[in-house]
Amino acid sequence: MADEDLYDDENPGSGILYPRSASLSHGPTASSRSSSPYPNSPHPPPGETERRLSLLSAATNSSDPYGSSYSMTSDPTNIHQIIQHQSDDQNERESGDNAEESQFTAVTSATTPTPKKSGVRHYKVEDYPLPKDVSDQLVAHMEKRVTEVLEHSRFLQRHCGFDVPRFSHTDVETGEPIARGGFAVIMEIKWFTTGCELNEDENEDKEYVLKYLNPKLIAKFLQDKDNDKVFAGAKDLVLEAHILSAVNHTNIIALRGLSTHGIHGYKATGGRADGFFMVLDRLTGTLSQRIFTDWKEKADANPHLQHLDNLTTNTMTMDFFVDRIRTALDVASALIYLHDHQILHRDIKPANIGFDANGVLKVFDFGLAVEVPYSDKPNQLYDLSGNTGTPRFMAPEVMKRKPYNFKADVYSFSILLWEMLALEKPYQGMDGEAVRETVALKSERPPMPERWPENIAKLFKRGWAKKIDHRPTMAEMHHCLTFLLASPLQPTPLPSKHSSMLPGKKLFRARRSLDNNK
């Protein structure tokens, strides 16, 4: 993102940090947001950074419980200080067999809202407002954190654009909650005010959802006075909105709108949890649901479908295999795009992958995503927050709180791929601590079924290798999976260990040359 996307001359409050004064129900559509008067510049126009900082100067003295930084570690003489997106205490969102229930992962059909579970309390936003002093602190904290992130972000400074439509609460009629998680709530949107571009979408059947802070966090704060989780949850949402406004990929969920007041909505609405919200496409199901309610039921009815050594002799087995590999290729494509732009997702798992009404795969939940500095060194490591993500899919170096890089996503993808092919949950029956002991201390991995070809087994062994530099890049994984589709029983052309392929190498060399010409 260039900073002119956040602050234009006519309305310096057009970014997510500040409210837009004008109604955006007739504003630009999401599809038109990519244009920029500085498309090739790696820096904001003259004076923009200073202007942005001056606008935020009143808020930058707030204390920051998550203010630690991270750095690249392989070269101590060339440390790049950038801002960490999560604190260690808040990154471990889930553990155990019921882990996926703790995030906003229940995505239902486009026509049927999720029935409320008996005994599950529904926290209404109007019942649990933040006290004024706390909402003021929250907004000041968000202003500081987002400013710090943007100051050190090359990708967001170039591409983050908030010319997406803006909505007030009166512009949106919500229905039932679709999913609740530890940090966020997903609500169905029944309709928008007349004149909204999303009402005029070419696909009349297209539906949307609202995502905002889980009011349960505020309810707990009002009880125990610990605001850490409220601040962490709000921060995740705001930074996720920045990333989603910048990315543009078929297999990544699209940001369709934002609340009118930006993060100042927490003050404008009297401290309501939905003071800041995002509008997203509604998904019809998750990959978790597809694995265990579609693919597994099919395999249980026809056990031969899992005999991968019969791929070349059994058409049904081959078709079933191809369907799953093509799904994996879509996930890999999204990750290649993210890595090319120096972004780690850090929570890749079936519950964070869904499908829209047209069946197109969408990676979502970017609350733990982080952008790292470009380096021309293959296998550059970064001091990032450890224990981040979901234990079943977490790389051992992340569990151990050691430096890591894009290969942590490769590890997660490999575990994901195993679940897609085995149709079993990895480390079934283990809680988070047991998974950590199995993976990080004992270096164990999910078992290889006897009837899986050796080339597939070798691909997994490389993808989840203990040594980071032995794992392939996502681009190399994509290449291997494409080869598997064409020649499933032939030796897969695995990349050599200590691969020199680097995500984003050509792209960021070009951008760095622009920096040097300044």
Protein backbone atom coordinates (compact mmCIF):
# COMPACT_ATOMS: atom_id res chain seq x y z
CA MET A 1 0.00 0.00 0.00
CA ALA A 2 1.17 3.47 -0.73
CA ASP A 3 0.07 5.84 2.00
CA GLU A 4 -2.10 7.79 -0.40
CA ASP A 5 -4.46 4.83 -0.23
CA LEU A 6 -4.95 5.48 3.48
CA TYR A 7 -5.00 9.26 3.44
CA ASP A 8 -6.25 11.28 0.52
CA ASP A 9 -6.23 15.06 0.31
CA GLU A 10 -9.99 15.45 0.43
CA ASN A 11 -10.46 13.09 3.34
CA PRO A 12 -7.38 12.45 5.48
CA GLY A 13 -9.42 10.10 7.64
CA SER A 14 -10.07 7.61 4.88
CA GLY A 15 -7.96 4.86 6.36
CA ILE A 16 -8.95 2.17 8.79
CA LEU A 17 -7.58 4.20 11.69
CA TYR A 18 -10.07 6.99 11.22
CA PRO A 19 -13.74 7.23 10.30
CA ARG A 20 -14.88 8.33 6.91
CA SER A 21 -17.15 11.30 7.21
CA ALA A 22 -19.14 10.61 4.05
CA SER A 23 -21.47 7.69 3.53
CA LEU A 24 -19.86 5.06 1.37
CA SER A 25 -22.99 3.19 0.40
CA HIS A 26 -22.36 4.61 -3.06
CA GLY A 27 -18.56 4.41 -2.87
CA PRO A 28 -16.15 2.29 -4.90
CA THR A 29 -16.59 -1.43 -5.16
CA ALA A 30 -13.99 -3.89 -3.97
CA SER A 31 -13.13 -4.78 -7.54
CA SER A 32 -12.01 -1.22 -8.29
CA ARG A 33 -9.62 -0.78 -5.41
CA SER A 34 -6.36 -1.78 -7.07
CA SER A 35 -5.57 1.46 -8.87
CA SER A 36 -2.96 3.77 -7.36
CA PRO A 37 -1.28 6.96 -8.56
CA TYR A 38 2.01 5.46 -7.35
CA PRO A 39 1.77 1.87 -8.65
CA ASN A 40 5.52 1.20 -8.78
CA SER A 41 6.79 3.26 -5.90
CA PRO A 42 8.08 1.43 -2.81
CA HIS A 43 7.64 4.57 -0.70
CA PRO A 44 4.69 6.81 0.13
CA PRO A 45 4.61 10.19 -1.61
CA PRO A 46 6.64 12.98 0.03
CA GLY A 47 5.31 14.01 3.40
CA GLU A 48 2.72 11.26 3.73
CA THR A 49 4.50 9.29 6.44
CA GLU A 50 5.06 12.43 8.50
CA ARG A 51 1.45 13.49 8.00
CA ARG A 52 0.20 10.10 9.12
CA LEU A 53 2.41 10.18 12.20
CA SER A 54 1.30 13.70 13.09
CA LEU A 55 -2.32 12.59 12.89
CA LEU A 56 -1.58 9.81 15.37
CA SER A 57 0.80 11.65 17.68
CA ALA A 58 -1.77 12.05 20.43
CA ALA A 59 -2.22 8.29 20.66
CA THR A 60 1.34 7.03 20.48
CA ASN A 61 2.11 7.36 24.19
CA SER A 62 -0.24 4.58 25.25
CA SER A 63 1.32 1.56 26.90
CA ASP A 64 1.61 -1.49 24.67
CA PRO A 65 1.51 -4.94 26.27
CA TYR A 66 2.39 -6.47 22.90
CA GLY A 67 5.19 -4.16 21.88
CA SER A 68 8.05 -6.61 21.42
CA SER A 69 9.70 -6.73 18.03
CA TYR A 70 11.15 -9.48 15.94
CA SER A 71 14.22 -9.59 13.74
CA MET A 72 16.00 -11.66 11.14
CA THR A 73 18.54 -13.84 12.89
CA SER A 74 20.95 -15.38 10.39
CA ASP A 75 22.90 -12.13 10.08
CA PRO A 76 23.22 -10.27 13.41
CA THR A 77 24.83 -7.31 11.65
CA ASN A 78 21.73 -6.75 9.52
CA ILE A 79 18.82 -6.72 11.93
CA HIS A 80 15.47 -5.57 10.58
CA GLN A 81 13.22 -4.43 13.39
CA ILE A 82 9.55 -4.79 12.59
CA ILE A 83 6.49 -5.13 14.68
CA GLN A 84 5.17 -8.42 15.95
CA HIS A 85 1.49 -9.02 15.23
CA GLN A 86 0.75 -11.24 18.19
CA SER A 87 1.87 -11.76 21.76
CA ASP A 88 2.97 -15.21 22.83
CA ASP A 89 0.20 -15.38 25.41
CA GLN A 90 -2.53 -14.78 22.85
CA ASN A 91 -1.23 -16.85 19.97
CA GLU A 92 -2.12 -20.25 21.31
CA ARG A 93 -5.76 -20.10 20.35
CA GLU A 94 -6.62 -23.75 20.78
CA SER A 95 -5.55 -27.20 21.81
CA GLY A 96 -6.97 -30.69 22.11
CA ASP A 97 -9.66 -32.52 20.19
CA ASN A 98 -12.13 -29.66 20.46
CA ALA A 99 -9.61 -27.15 19.20
CA GLU A 100 -11.40 -26.21 16.01
CA GLU A 101 -14.51 -25.26 17.96
CA SER A 102 -12.60 -22.47 19.69
CA GLN A 103 -12.19 -20.46 16.48
CA PHE A 104 -14.78 -19.03 14.13
CA THR A 105 -14.68 -22.10 11.93
CA ALA A 106 -18.29 -23.24 11.72
CA VAL A 107 -19.33 -22.06 8.26
CA THR A 108 -22.78 -23.25 7.31
CA SER A 109 -24.74 -23.34 4.10
CA ALA A 110 -25.69 -20.09 2.44
CA THR A 111 -29.35 -20.60 3.25
CA THR A 112 -29.46 -22.20 6.70
CA PRO A 113 -28.14 -20.44 9.80
CA THR A 114 -26.39 -22.50 12.45
CA PRO A 115 -28.86 -23.66 15.09
CA LYS A 116 -27.94 -22.52 18.56
CA LYS A 117 -26.40 -25.25 20.70
CA SER A 118 -28.34 -25.96 23.85
CA GLY A 119 -26.52 -24.64 26.87
CA VAL A 120 -24.32 -22.28 24.83
CA ARG A 121 -24.73 -18.69 25.97
CA HIS A 122 -25.20 -16.05 23.30
CA TYR A 123 -23.46 -12.82 24.27
CA LYS A 124 -25.25 -9.84 22.71
CA VAL A 125 -23.11 -6.84 21.83
CA GLU A 126 -25.55 -4.36 23.33
CA ASP A 127 -25.40 -6.10 26.71
CA TYR A 128 -21.62 -5.84 27.17
CA PRO A 129 -20.22 -2.41 26.22
CA LEU A 130 -16.69 -1.43 27.14
CA PRO A 131 -16.36 1.40 29.66
CA LYS A 132 -15.48 4.69 27.99
CA ASP A 133 -11.97 4.85 29.41
CA VAL A 134 -11.23 1.33 28.18
CA SER A 135 -12.61 1.95 24.69
CA ASP A 136 -10.48 5.11 24.53
CA GLN A 137 -7.42 3.09 25.52
CA LEU A 138 -8.30 0.41 22.97
CA VAL A 139 -8.50 2.90 20.11
CA ALA A 140 -5.24 4.56 21.15
CA HIS A 141 -3.59 1.15 21.36
CA MET A 142 -4.87 0.18 17.90
CA GLU A 143 -3.66 3.45 16.39
CA LYS A 144 -0.20 2.89 17.78
CA ARG A 145 0.01 -0.75 16.77
CA VAL A 146 -1.25 -0.25 13.22
CA THR A 147 1.04 2.73 12.68
CA GLU A 148 4.04 0.70 13.81
CA VAL A 149 3.11 -2.20 11.54
CA LEU A 150 2.56 0.04 8.52
CA GLU A 151 5.83 1.88 9.14
CA HIS A 152 7.70 -1.41 8.72
CA SER A 153 5.56 -3.01 6.03
CA ARG A 154 6.56 -2.80 2.39
CA PHE A 155 3.65 -4.80 1.03
CA LEU A 156 0.91 -3.08 3.02
CA GLN A 157 2.33 0.36 2.27
CA ARG A 158 2.01 -0.41 -1.43
CA HIS A 159 -1.21 -2.34 -1.69
CA CYS A 160 -3.36 -1.82 1.39
CA GLY A 161 -6.38 0.11 0.15
CA PHE A 162 -9.41 1.10 2.13
CA ASP A 163 -11.53 2.36 -0.72
CA VAL A 164 -13.80 -0.61 -0.07
CA PRO A 165 -17.41 0.29 0.78
CA ARG A 166 -18.09 1.52 4.30
CA PHE A 167 -21.16 0.64 6.32
CA SER A 168 -22.79 1.92 9.47
CA HIS A 169 -24.81 -0.40 11.68
CA THR A 170 -28.01 0.98 10.17
CA ASP A 171 -26.80 0.01 6.69
CA VAL A 172 -26.67 -3.68 7.58
CA GLU A 173 -29.42 -5.99 8.78
CA THR A 174 -27.89 -9.02 10.48
CA GLY A 175 -29.46 -12.37 11.20
CA GLU A 176 -28.28 -15.33 13.25
CA PRO A 177 -24.68 -15.94 14.32
CA ILE A 178 -23.00 -18.37 11.93
CA ALA A 179 -19.99 -19.09 14.10
CA ARG A 180 -18.42 -17.99 17.36
CA GLY A 181 -14.79 -18.25 18.31
CA GLY A 182 -12.48 -17.23 21.06
CA PHE A 183 -11.77 -13.88 19.41
CA ALA A 184 -14.47 -13.20 16.82
CA VAL A 185 -18.09 -13.73 15.84
CA ILE A 186 -19.43 -14.30 12.33
CA MET A 187 -22.97 -13.02 11.71
CA GLU A 188 -25.11 -13.60 8.65
CA ILE A 189 -26.10 -10.45 6.74
CA LYS A 190 -29.75 -10.56 5.71
CA TRP A 191 -29.67 -7.44 3.56
CA PHE A 192 -28.04 -4.05 2.98
CA THR A 193 -29.59 -0.63 2.64
CA THR A 194 -30.92 0.09 -0.86
CA GLY A 195 -28.23 1.55 -3.12
CA CYS A 196 -25.32 -0.46 -1.76
CA GLU A 197 -23.06 -1.91 -4.44
CA LEU A 198 -23.14 -5.29 -2.74
CA ASN A 199 -26.89 -5.35 -3.31
CA GLU A 200 -26.21 -4.74 -6.99
CA ASP A 201 -23.74 -7.60 -7.37
CA GLU A 202 -24.05 -9.43 -10.66
CA ASN A 203 -24.56 -12.64 -8.71
CA GLU A 204 -27.92 -12.04 -7.04
CA ASP A 205 -27.46 -15.14 -4.90
CA LYS A 206 -24.20 -13.91 -3.39
CA GLU A 207 -24.33 -13.60 0.38
CA TYR A 208 -22.12 -11.91 2.94
CA VAL A 209 -21.22 -12.06 6.61
CA LEU A 210 -20.17 -9.63 9.31
CA LYS A 211 -17.07 -10.35 11.40
CA TYR A 212 -16.40 -8.54 14.66
CA LEU A 213 -14.91 -8.92 18.13
CA ASN A 214 -16.53 -11.61 20.27
CA PRO A 215 -18.53 -9.78 22.98
CA LYS A 216 -17.72 -12.68 25.29
CA LEU A 217 -14.23 -11.15 25.62
CA ILE A 218 -15.75 -7.93 26.90
CA ALA A 219 -18.07 -9.84 29.24
CA LYS A 220 -15.06 -11.60 30.74
CA PHE A 221 -13.19 -8.30 31.01
CA LEU A 222 -16.09 -6.75 32.91
CA GLN A 223 -15.82 -9.65 35.32
CA ASP A 224 -12.06 -10.00 35.84
CA LYS A 225 -10.81 -6.57 34.57
CA ASP A 226 -8.13 -8.17 32.39
CA ASN A 227 -8.23 -6.38 29.04
CA ASP A 228 -5.37 -8.29 27.37
CA LYS A 229 -7.65 -10.59 25.37
CA VAL A 230 -9.92 -7.73 24.35
CA PHE A 231 -6.95 -5.77 23.04
CA ALA A 232 -5.39 -8.82 21.39
CA GLY A 233 -8.65 -9.82 19.68
CA ALA A 234 -9.29 -6.30 18.40
CA LYS A 235 -5.71 -6.07 17.16
CA ASP A 236 -6.04 -9.34 15.27
CA LEU A 237 -9.18 -8.08 13.53
CA VAL A 238 -7.73 -4.71 12.58
CA LEU A 239 -4.49 -6.16 11.23
CA GLU A 240 -6.42 -8.87 9.41
CA ALA A 241 -8.47 -6.16 7.71
CA HIS A 242 -5.28 -4.45 6.57
CA ILE A 243 -3.93 -7.66 5.07
CA LEU A 244 -7.21 -8.60 3.38
CA SER A 245 -7.47 -5.12 1.88
CA ALA A 246 -4.05 -5.60 0.30
CA VAL A 247 -4.19 -9.16 -1.04
CA ASN A 248 -5.88 -10.14 -4.28
CA HIS A 249 -6.01 -13.85 -5.07
CA THR A 250 -8.75 -16.18 -6.25
CA ASN A 251 -8.18 -18.55 -3.34
CA ILE A 252 -8.09 -15.94 -0.57
CA ILE A 253 -11.28 -14.58 0.93
CA ALA A 254 -12.04 -11.02 -0.19
CA LEU A 255 -12.73 -8.02 2.02
CA ARG A 256 -16.01 -6.46 0.80
CA GLY A 257 -16.55 -3.70 3.31
CA LEU A 258 -15.64 -2.07 6.63
CA SER A 259 -17.41 -0.21 9.40
CA THR A 260 -17.81 3.50 8.71
CA HIS A 261 -15.81 4.72 11.70
CA GLY A 262 -12.90 2.32 11.39
CA ILE A 263 -11.40 1.46 14.76
CA HIS A 264 -12.91 4.65 16.16
CA GLY A 265 -16.15 2.71 16.01
CA TYR A 266 -15.30 1.28 19.42
CA LYS A 267 -15.75 4.80 20.79
CA ALA A 268 -18.51 5.94 18.42
CA THR A 269 -20.76 3.03 19.41
CA GLY A 270 -20.19 3.38 23.14
CA GLY A 271 -17.74 0.50 23.43
CA ARG A 272 -19.72 -2.15 21.53
CA ALA A 273 -17.84 -5.24 20.36
CA ASP A 274 -19.14 -4.69 16.83
CA GLY A 275 -17.90 -1.10 16.73
CA PHE A 276 -15.33 -2.28 14.21
CA PHE A 277 -16.39 -4.92 11.71
CA MET A 278 -15.55 -6.42 8.34
CA VAL A 279 -17.90 -7.53 5.56
CA LEU A 280 -16.75 -10.77 3.92
CA ASP A 281 -18.12 -13.23 1.40
CA ARG A 282 -20.21 -15.95 2.96
CA LEU A 283 -18.74 -19.41 2.59
CA THR A 284 -20.81 -22.56 2.24
CA GLY A 285 -18.55 -24.92 4.15
CA THR A 286 -15.03 -25.60 5.36
CA LEU A 287 -12.42 -28.06 4.21
CA SER A 288 -12.89 -29.83 7.55
CA GLN A 289 -16.50 -30.49 6.63
CA ARG A 290 -15.55 -31.65 3.17
CA ILE A 291 -12.95 -34.07 4.55
CA PHE A 292 -15.14 -35.69 7.18
CA THR A 293 -18.67 -35.41 5.75
CA ASP A 294 -17.98 -35.81 2.05
CA TRP A 295 -14.70 -37.53 1.32
CA LYS A 296 -14.61 -39.78 4.38
CA GLU A 297 -18.18 -40.97 3.92
CA LYS A 298 -17.40 -41.74 0.30
CA ALA A 299 -14.26 -43.65 1.27
CA ASP A 300 -16.05 -45.57 4.02
CA ALA A 301 -18.63 -46.69 1.47
CA ASN A 302 -15.90 -47.63 -1.05
CA PRO A 303 -12.71 -48.61 0.85
CA HIS A 304 -10.81 -49.22 -2.40
CA LEU A 305 -10.79 -45.45 -2.98
CA GLN A 306 -8.04 -45.17 -0.37
CA HIS A 307 -5.81 -47.76 -2.08
CA LEU A 308 -3.49 -45.22 -3.66
CA ASP A 309 -1.33 -47.97 -5.12
CA ASN A 310 -4.23 -48.60 -7.53
CA LEU A 311 -4.28 -45.10 -8.97
CA THR A 312 -3.33 -46.15 -12.49
CA THR A 313 -5.69 -49.14 -12.61
CA ASN A 314 -8.85 -47.89 -10.91
CA THR A 315 -10.60 -44.88 -12.41
CA MET A 316 -12.70 -44.13 -9.33
CA THR A 317 -9.64 -44.22 -7.08
CA MET A 318 -7.80 -41.89 -9.44
CA ASP A 319 -10.71 -39.45 -9.65
CA PHE A 320 -11.00 -39.36 -5.87
CA PHE A 321 -7.26 -38.72 -5.57
CA VAL A 322 -7.31 -36.00 -8.23
CA ASP A 323 -10.17 -34.19 -6.49
CA ARG A 324 -8.18 -33.93 -3.27
CA ILE A 325 -4.87 -33.02 -4.90
CA ARG A 326 -6.53 -30.26 -6.91
CA THR A 327 -7.97 -28.90 -3.69
CA ALA A 328 -4.49 -28.99 -2.16
CA LEU A 329 -3.10 -27.18 -5.20
CA ASP A 330 -5.54 -24.32 -4.61
CA VAL A 331 -4.32 -24.00 -1.03
CA ALA A 332 -0.72 -24.12 -2.24
CA SER A 333 -1.46 -21.42 -4.82
CA ALA A 334 -2.77 -19.09 -2.11
CA LEU A 335 0.29 -19.73 0.06
CA ILE A 336 2.68 -19.13 -2.83
CA TYR A 337 1.00 -15.76 -3.36
CA LEU A 338 1.32 -14.88 0.33
CA HIS A 339 4.94 -15.98 0.53
CA ASP A 340 5.78 -14.05 -2.62
CA HIS A 341 4.58 -10.99 -0.73
CA GLN A 342 6.52 -11.90 2.43
CA ILE A 343 3.42 -12.94 4.40
CA LEU A 344 3.22 -16.01 6.62
CA HIS A 345 -0.29 -17.22 7.39
CA ARG A 346 0.78 -19.18 10.50
CA ASP A 347 -2.54 -20.99 11.03
CA ILE A 348 -3.09 -23.17 7.98
CA LYS A 349 -5.54 -25.98 8.76
CA PRO A 350 -8.78 -27.39 7.28
CA ALA A 351 -10.94 -25.25 9.56
CA ASN A 352 -9.44 -22.05 8.09
CA ILE A 353 -10.14 -23.06 4.50
CA GLY A 354 -13.61 -22.78 3.01
CA PHE A 355 -15.57 -22.80 -0.22
CA ASP A 356 -17.80 -20.11 -1.65
CA ALA A 357 -21.19 -20.62 -3.29
CA ASN A 358 -19.46 -21.47 -6.57
CA GLY A 359 -17.23 -24.08 -4.96
CA VAL A 360 -14.08 -21.92 -5.17
CA LEU A 361 -11.63 -22.59 -2.35
CA LYS A 362 -10.89 -19.65 -0.05
CA VAL A 363 -8.21 -19.39 2.63
CA PHE A 364 -9.45 -17.24 5.49
CA ASP A 365 -8.69 -16.19 9.09
CA PHE A 366 -5.61 -13.97 8.79
CA GLY A 367 -5.61 -12.98 12.44
CA LEU A 368 -2.17 -14.55 12.98
CA ALA A 369 -0.69 -13.59 9.60
CA VAL A 370 2.51 -11.58 9.66
CA GLU A 371 4.67 -9.82 7.08
CA VAL A 372 8.44 -10.22 7.36
CA PRO A 373 11.26 -8.23 5.72
CA TYR A 374 12.64 -9.35 2.39
CA SER A 375 16.00 -11.10 2.45
CA ASP A 376 18.06 -12.40 -0.46
CA LYS A 377 19.33 -15.21 1.76
CA PRO A 378 17.62 -18.57 1.22
CA ASN A 379 16.14 -19.99 4.41
CA GLN A 380 16.41 -16.67 6.23
CA LEU A 381 15.06 -17.11 9.76
CA TYR A 382 13.04 -14.56 11.73
CA ASP A 383 12.53 -14.04 15.44
CA LEU A 384 8.76 -14.36 15.47
CA SER A 385 6.40 -15.10 18.33
CA GLY A 386 6.48 -18.79 19.19
CA ASN A 387 3.72 -21.27 19.96
CA THR A 388 1.61 -19.54 17.32
CA GLY A 389 -1.29 -21.29 15.65
CA THR A 390 -2.85 -24.72 16.17
CA PRO A 391 -0.76 -27.49 17.78
CA ARG A 392 -1.77 -30.24 15.34
CA PHE A 393 -0.50 -28.18 12.41
CA MET A 394 2.28 -26.24 14.15
CA ALA A 395 5.88 -26.71 13.04
CA PRO A 396 8.27 -27.99 15.74
CA GLU A 397 10.43 -24.85 15.60
CA VAL A 398 7.33 -22.76 16.30
CA MET A 399 6.41 -25.00 19.23
CA LYS A 400 9.91 -24.56 20.63
CA ARG A 401 9.74 -20.77 20.18
CA LYS A 402 12.77 -20.83 17.92
CA PRO A 403 13.29 -18.60 14.85
CA TYR A 404 11.36 -19.72 11.77
CA ASN A 405 10.31 -18.66 8.28
CA PHE A 406 7.96 -19.52 5.41
CA LYS A 407 8.77 -23.21 5.84
CA ALA A 408 6.53 -23.21 8.93
CA ASP A 409 3.59 -22.80 6.55
CA VAL A 410 5.03 -25.59 4.41
CA TYR A 411 5.02 -27.86 7.45
CA SER A 412 1.39 -26.94 8.23
CA PHE A 413 0.44 -27.55 4.61
CA SER A 414 2.05 -31.01 4.74
CA ILE A 415 0.02 -31.99 7.80
CA LEU A 416 -3.06 -30.58 6.09
CA LEU A 417 -2.35 -32.63 2.96
CA TRP A 418 -1.92 -35.77 5.06
CA GLU A 419 -5.35 -35.21 6.63
CA MET A 420 -6.87 -34.71 3.18
CA LEU A 421 -5.44 -37.99 1.90
CA ALA A 422 -5.68 -40.11 5.06
CA LEU A 423 -9.13 -38.72 5.96
CA GLU A 424 -8.10 -38.80 9.60
CA LYS A 425 -7.35 -36.09 12.12
CA PRO A 426 -3.60 -36.00 12.81
CA TYR A 427 -2.64 -37.06 16.33
CA GLN A 428 -6.20 -38.18 17.02
CA GLY A 429 -7.06 -38.24 20.72
CA MET A 430 -4.13 -36.07 21.83
CA ASP A 431 -4.46 -32.71 23.52
CA GLY A 432 -2.19 -29.80 22.68
CA GLU A 433 0.52 -30.72 25.17
CA ALA A 434 0.63 -34.32 23.96
CA VAL A 435 0.96 -33.14 20.37
CA ARG A 436 3.84 -30.85 21.32
CA GLU A 437 5.64 -33.67 23.09
CA THR A 438 5.09 -36.02 20.14
CA VAL A 439 6.18 -33.54 17.47
CA ALA A 440 8.75 -31.29 19.10
CA LEU A 441 10.44 -33.69 21.53
CA LYS A 442 9.98 -37.12 19.95
CA SER A 443 10.06 -35.87 16.32
CA GLU A 444 7.15 -38.15 15.40
CA ARG A 445 4.84 -37.48 12.47
CA PRO A 446 1.53 -38.97 11.27
CA PRO A 447 1.90 -42.56 10.00
CA MET A 448 2.09 -43.47 6.32
CA PRO A 449 -0.64 -45.97 5.31
CA GLU A 450 0.75 -49.16 3.78
CA ARG A 451 -0.97 -48.66 0.44
CA TRP A 452 0.44 -45.22 -0.23
CA PRO A 453 3.09 -45.13 -2.99
CA GLU A 454 6.66 -44.41 -1.92
CA ASN A 455 6.83 -41.16 -3.89
CA ILE A 456 3.92 -39.75 -1.88
CA ALA A 457 5.51 -40.85 1.38
CA LYS A 458 8.78 -39.16 0.44
CA LEU A 459 6.99 -35.91 -0.33
CA PHE A 460 5.49 -35.89 3.16
CA LYS A 461 8.81 -36.68 4.80
CA ARG A 462 10.35 -33.67 3.11
CA GLY A 463 7.39 -31.38 3.74
CA TRP A 464 7.39 -31.98 7.48
CA ALA A 465 11.14 -32.52 7.90
CA LYS A 466 12.59 -31.60 11.28
CA LYS A 467 15.25 -29.40 9.69
CA ILE A 468 13.74 -26.27 8.21
CA ASP A 469 16.11 -26.08 5.24
CA HIS A 470 15.26 -29.66 4.23
CA ARG A 471 11.67 -28.69 3.50
CA PRO A 472 10.73 -27.55 -0.01
CA THR A 473 9.21 -24.14 -0.66
CA MET A 474 5.49 -23.86 -1.38
CA ALA A 475 6.31 -23.34 -5.06
CA GLU A 476 8.25 -26.61 -5.05
CA MET A 477 5.42 -28.39 -3.25
CA HIS A 478 3.01 -27.11 -5.88
CA HIS A 479 5.30 -28.41 -8.62
CA CYS A 480 5.51 -31.85 -6.99
CA LEU A 481 1.75 -32.11 -6.57
CA THR A 482 1.21 -31.11 -10.19
CA PHE A 483 3.62 -33.85 -11.20
CA LEU A 484 1.67 -36.34 -9.05
CA LEU A 485 -1.49 -35.60 -10.99
CA ALA A 486 0.21 -36.48 -14.26
CA SER A 487 2.32 -39.41 -13.03
CA PRO A 488 1.02 -40.57 -9.64
CA LEU A 489 3.25 -43.65 -9.36
CA GLN A 490 6.42 -42.20 -10.88
CA PRO A 491 9.23 -40.88 -8.66
CA THR A 492 8.37 -37.32 -7.74
CA PRO A 493 11.04 -34.76 -8.74
CA LEU A 494 11.72 -33.63 -5.19
CA PRO A 495 13.89 -30.53 -4.84
CA SER A 496 17.34 -30.97 -3.39
CA LYS A 497 17.78 -30.33 0.30
CA HIS A 498 18.91 -26.84 1.31
CA SER A 499 16.72 -25.52 -1.52
CA SER A 500 17.79 -22.16 -2.85
CA MET A 501 14.35 -21.17 -4.09
CA LEU A 502 13.23 -18.11 -2.19
CA PRO A 503 9.66 -16.81 -2.00
CA GLY A 504 9.38 -13.40 -3.56
CA LYS A 505 13.02 -13.26 -4.68
CA LYS A 506 12.53 -11.69 -8.11
CA LEU A 507 9.68 -9.48 -6.96
CA PHE A 508 11.52 -7.95 -4.02
CA ARG A 509 14.81 -7.60 -5.86
CA ALA A 510 12.96 -5.42 -8.35
CA ARG A 511 11.44 -3.39 -5.55
CA ARG A 512 14.77 -3.02 -3.80
CA SER A 513 16.31 -1.69 -7.01
CA LEU A 514 13.62 0.97 -6.98
CA ASP A 515 14.64 1.83 -3.42
CA ASN A 516 18.27 2.20 -4.50
CA ASN A 517 17.30 4.55 -7.31
CA LYS A 518 15.58 6.91 -4.94
